[in-house]
């Protein structure tokens, strides 16, 4: 897994060195659609001290609209399904985002930072008939780089943090609140129009 991440980052870096003919297309009025994959660490803290760390793979779809050349408003949808042994878990997150891009008209690499907040849900099935659902809110910060390949296409690298506060389903025997930290390294691409 570490080799895949290393070679992906190396390829992005080397590609950015040759992409100096591209043009940064973060202009007011443009729309961005993106697709990302991530290696993610989820650290769960529950009231009953039953803490756990889970490493997982996530897919994320993003959309955003540039209200100025630097400020983008949009959102993201993240989904994940994990099977381990007889157990399985499904998670979804729908978040609103605001990003600030440090860009000028002749850049091919555009750094950005942002904030996000939204709704998160998790369903867990232990495999022995014990099911639970949790939902609540999420908030966090993000930052990354957009490597422009053409005027309307980027390769993206993003570090994304979310703090989750989940309440269990009222039908669940376990009424403990769940606090979790989700840290994701997103790698993907976007198109602009």
Protein backbone atom coordinates (compact mmCIF):
# COMPACT_ATOMS: atom_id res chain seq x y z
CA UNK A 1 0.00 0.00 0.00
CA UNK A 2 2.84 2.38 0.86
CA UNK A 3 4.51 1.63 -2.48
CA UNK A 4 1.33 2.54 -4.38
CA UNK A 5 1.06 5.83 -2.48
CA UNK A 6 4.76 6.61 -3.03
CA UNK A 7 4.63 5.95 -6.78
CA UNK A 8 1.37 7.90 -7.13
CA UNK A 9 2.90 10.94 -5.44
CA UNK A 10 6.09 10.58 -7.49
CA UNK A 11 4.08 10.41 -10.73
CA UNK A 12 2.11 13.55 -9.76
CA UNK A 13 5.34 15.41 -8.97
CA UNK A 14 7.08 14.38 -12.20
CA UNK A 15 4.00 15.16 -14.25
CA UNK A 16 3.77 18.64 -12.69
CA UNK A 17 7.32 19.39 -13.84
CA UNK A 18 6.30 18.80 -17.46
CA UNK A 19 2.93 20.53 -17.26
CA UNK A 20 4.21 24.11 -17.48
CA UNK A 21 2.35 24.65 -20.75
CA UNK A 22 -1.01 24.30 -19.01
CA UNK A 23 -3.11 27.19 -17.72
CA UNK A 24 -4.85 27.44 -14.37
CA UNK A 25 -8.61 27.56 -15.07
CA UNK A 26 -9.94 28.65 -11.68
CA UNK A 27 -12.04 31.56 -12.94
CA UNK A 28 -15.18 33.15 -11.52
CA UNK A 29 -18.22 31.45 -13.02
CA UNK A 30 -16.53 28.11 -13.76
CA UNK A 31 -17.73 24.78 -12.35
CA UNK A 32 -15.54 21.91 -11.14
CA UNK A 33 -16.52 18.22 -11.02
CA UNK A 34 -14.10 15.81 -9.37
CA UNK A 35 -13.61 12.15 -8.59
CA UNK A 36 -11.16 11.07 -5.87
CA UNK A 37 -10.01 7.92 -4.12
CA UNK A 38 -8.36 7.94 -0.72
CA UNK A 39 -6.45 6.02 1.86
CA UNK A 40 -8.20 6.91 5.11
CA UNK A 41 -7.70 6.45 8.83
CA UNK A 42 -10.83 6.49 11.02
CA UNK A 43 -10.23 6.79 14.79
CA UNK A 44 -13.41 6.08 16.78
CA UNK A 45 -13.80 7.17 20.43
CA UNK A 46 -16.99 5.98 22.16
CA UNK A 47 -18.29 6.72 25.65
CA UNK A 48 -17.69 3.12 26.77
CA UNK A 49 -13.92 3.27 26.01
CA UNK A 50 -14.34 0.80 23.14
CA UNK A 51 -12.00 2.75 20.85
CA UNK A 52 -10.81 1.53 17.47
CA UNK A 53 -8.64 2.61 14.53
CA UNK A 54 -9.71 1.53 11.04
CA UNK A 55 -7.77 2.00 7.80
CA UNK A 56 -9.98 2.01 4.73
CA UNK A 57 -10.32 3.00 1.10
CA UNK A 58 -12.92 5.67 0.18
CA UNK A 59 -14.38 7.13 -2.99
CA UNK A 60 -15.41 10.79 -3.14
CA UNK A 61 -17.35 12.84 -5.70
CA UNK A 62 -16.99 16.65 -5.50
CA UNK A 63 -18.62 19.61 -7.22
CA UNK A 64 -17.91 23.30 -6.85
CA UNK A 65 -18.67 26.70 -8.34
CA UNK A 66 -16.14 29.56 -8.38
CA UNK A 67 -17.83 32.75 -7.14
CA UNK A 68 -14.50 34.60 -7.61
CA UNK A 69 -11.19 33.54 -9.15
CA UNK A 70 -10.07 32.31 -5.70
CA UNK A 71 -13.24 31.39 -3.76
CA UNK A 72 -15.14 28.19 -4.53
CA UNK A 73 -18.37 26.97 -2.90
CA UNK A 74 -19.46 23.38 -3.34
CA UNK A 75 -19.85 20.02 -1.76
CA UNK A 76 -18.72 16.43 -1.62
CA UNK A 77 -20.27 12.99 -1.31
CA UNK A 78 -18.19 10.19 0.18
CA UNK A 79 -19.15 6.53 0.33
CA UNK A 80 -17.53 3.39 1.69
CA UNK A 81 -18.43 -0.25 2.18
CA UNK A 82 -16.18 -2.57 4.17
CA UNK A 83 -16.46 -6.32 4.64
CA UNK A 84 -14.26 -7.94 7.27
CA UNK A 85 -14.94 -11.49 8.34
CA UNK A 86 -18.68 -11.89 8.92
CA UNK A 87 -19.07 -8.17 9.66
CA UNK A 88 -19.75 -5.32 7.28
CA UNK A 89 -20.03 -1.55 7.55
CA UNK A 90 -21.40 1.13 5.22
CA UNK A 91 -20.68 4.85 5.63
CA UNK A 92 -21.82 8.00 3.78
CA UNK A 93 -20.93 11.65 4.21
CA UNK A 94 -22.54 14.63 2.46
CA UNK A 95 -20.69 17.89 3.13
CA UNK A 96 -20.81 21.53 2.04
CA UNK A 97 -17.37 23.04 1.36
CA UNK A 98 -15.79 26.47 0.95
CA UNK A 99 -12.30 26.65 -0.56
CA UNK A 100 -9.79 29.45 -1.09
CA UNK A 101 -7.35 28.98 -4.01
CA UNK A 102 -3.96 30.73 -4.01
CA UNK A 103 -3.93 31.23 -7.78
CA UNK A 104 -2.94 33.62 -10.53
CA UNK A 105 -3.60 33.33 -14.25
CA UNK A 106 -0.28 31.69 -15.19
CA UNK A 107 -0.01 28.96 -12.52
CA UNK A 108 -0.04 25.26 -13.31
CA UNK A 109 0.01 24.18 -9.65
CA UNK A 110 -2.68 25.77 -7.48
CA UNK A 111 -2.64 25.28 -3.69
CA UNK A 112 -5.88 25.66 -1.73
CA UNK A 113 -7.35 25.44 1.78
CA UNK A 114 -10.93 25.04 2.91
CA UNK A 115 -13.53 24.22 5.53
CA UNK A 116 -16.42 21.76 5.43
CA UNK A 117 -19.45 20.63 7.38
CA UNK A 118 -22.21 18.13 6.79
CA UNK A 119 -24.13 14.97 7.61
CA UNK A 120 -22.52 11.56 8.27
CA UNK A 121 -24.13 8.13 8.65
CA UNK A 122 -22.74 4.66 9.46
CA UNK A 123 -24.48 1.25 9.40
CA UNK A 124 -22.79 -1.75 11.02
CA UNK A 125 -23.76 -5.44 10.87
CA UNK A 126 -21.76 -7.79 13.10
CA UNK A 127 -22.83 -10.86 11.10
CA UNK A 128 -24.58 -12.50 14.06
CA UNK A 129 -27.81 -10.52 13.80
CA UNK A 130 -26.51 -7.50 15.75
CA UNK A 131 -27.01 -4.37 13.66
CA UNK A 132 -26.52 -0.73 14.58
CA UNK A 133 -26.87 2.64 12.90
CA UNK A 134 -25.30 5.94 13.81
CA UNK A 135 -25.74 9.34 12.25
CA UNK A 136 -24.78 12.89 13.08
CA UNK A 137 -22.79 15.82 11.89
CA UNK A 138 -19.27 16.29 10.58
CA UNK A 139 -17.02 19.32 10.31
CA UNK A 140 -13.41 19.83 9.34
CA UNK A 141 -10.69 21.37 7.23
CA UNK A 142 -8.87 20.48 4.04
CA UNK A 143 -5.93 21.58 1.95
CA UNK A 144 -4.30 20.44 -1.22
CA UNK A 145 -2.81 21.01 -4.62
CA UNK A 146 -4.38 21.05 -8.09
CA UNK A 147 -1.98 20.16 -10.91
CA UNK A 148 -3.37 21.58 -14.17
CA UNK A 149 -2.83 19.20 -17.09
CA UNK A 150 -4.90 21.32 -19.48
CA UNK A 151 -6.98 24.45 -19.00
CA UNK A 152 -9.95 22.28 -18.04
CA UNK A 153 -8.38 19.23 -16.31
CA UNK A 154 -6.45 18.78 -13.06
CA UNK A 155 -4.86 16.00 -11.07
CA UNK A 156 -5.59 16.58 -7.37
CA UNK A 157 -3.84 15.79 -4.11
CA UNK A 158 -5.71 16.68 -0.89
CA UNK A 159 -5.36 16.13 2.85
CA UNK A 160 -8.86 16.10 4.35
CA UNK A 161 -9.80 16.05 8.07
CA UNK A 162 -13.31 15.53 9.48
CA UNK A 163 -14.47 15.41 13.10
CA UNK A 164 -17.58 13.23 13.41
CA UNK A 165 -20.14 13.34 16.21
CA UNK A 166 -22.54 10.41 15.88
CA UNK A 167 -25.62 9.43 17.87
CA UNK A 168 -26.59 5.73 17.80
CA UNK A 169 -29.98 4.55 16.58
CA UNK A 170 -32.58 4.62 19.37
CA UNK A 171 -33.35 0.91 18.68
CA UNK A 172 -29.72 0.00 19.37
CA UNK A 173 -28.87 -1.52 22.79
CA UNK A 174 -25.70 0.61 22.86
CA UNK A 175 -26.65 4.26 23.52
CA UNK A 176 -23.07 5.56 23.64
CA UNK A 177 -22.26 8.65 21.61
CA UNK A 178 -19.48 8.15 19.13
CA UNK A 179 -16.81 10.76 18.40
CA UNK A 180 -14.47 10.00 15.52
CA UNK A 181 -11.64 11.60 13.56
CA UNK A 182 -11.43 10.87 9.84
CA UNK A 183 -8.14 11.72 8.12
CA UNK A 184 -7.97 11.07 4.36
CA UNK A 185 -5.32 11.50 1.68
CA UNK A 186 -7.34 12.04 -1.52
CA UNK A 187 -5.87 11.51 -4.99
CA UNK A 188 -8.00 12.17 -8.06
CA UNK A 189 -8.87 14.37 -11.00
CA UNK A 190 -11.28 17.20 -11.87
CA UNK A 191 -12.76 18.73 -14.99
CA UNK A 192 -13.79 22.39 -15.36
CA UNK A 193 -16.43 23.95 -17.56
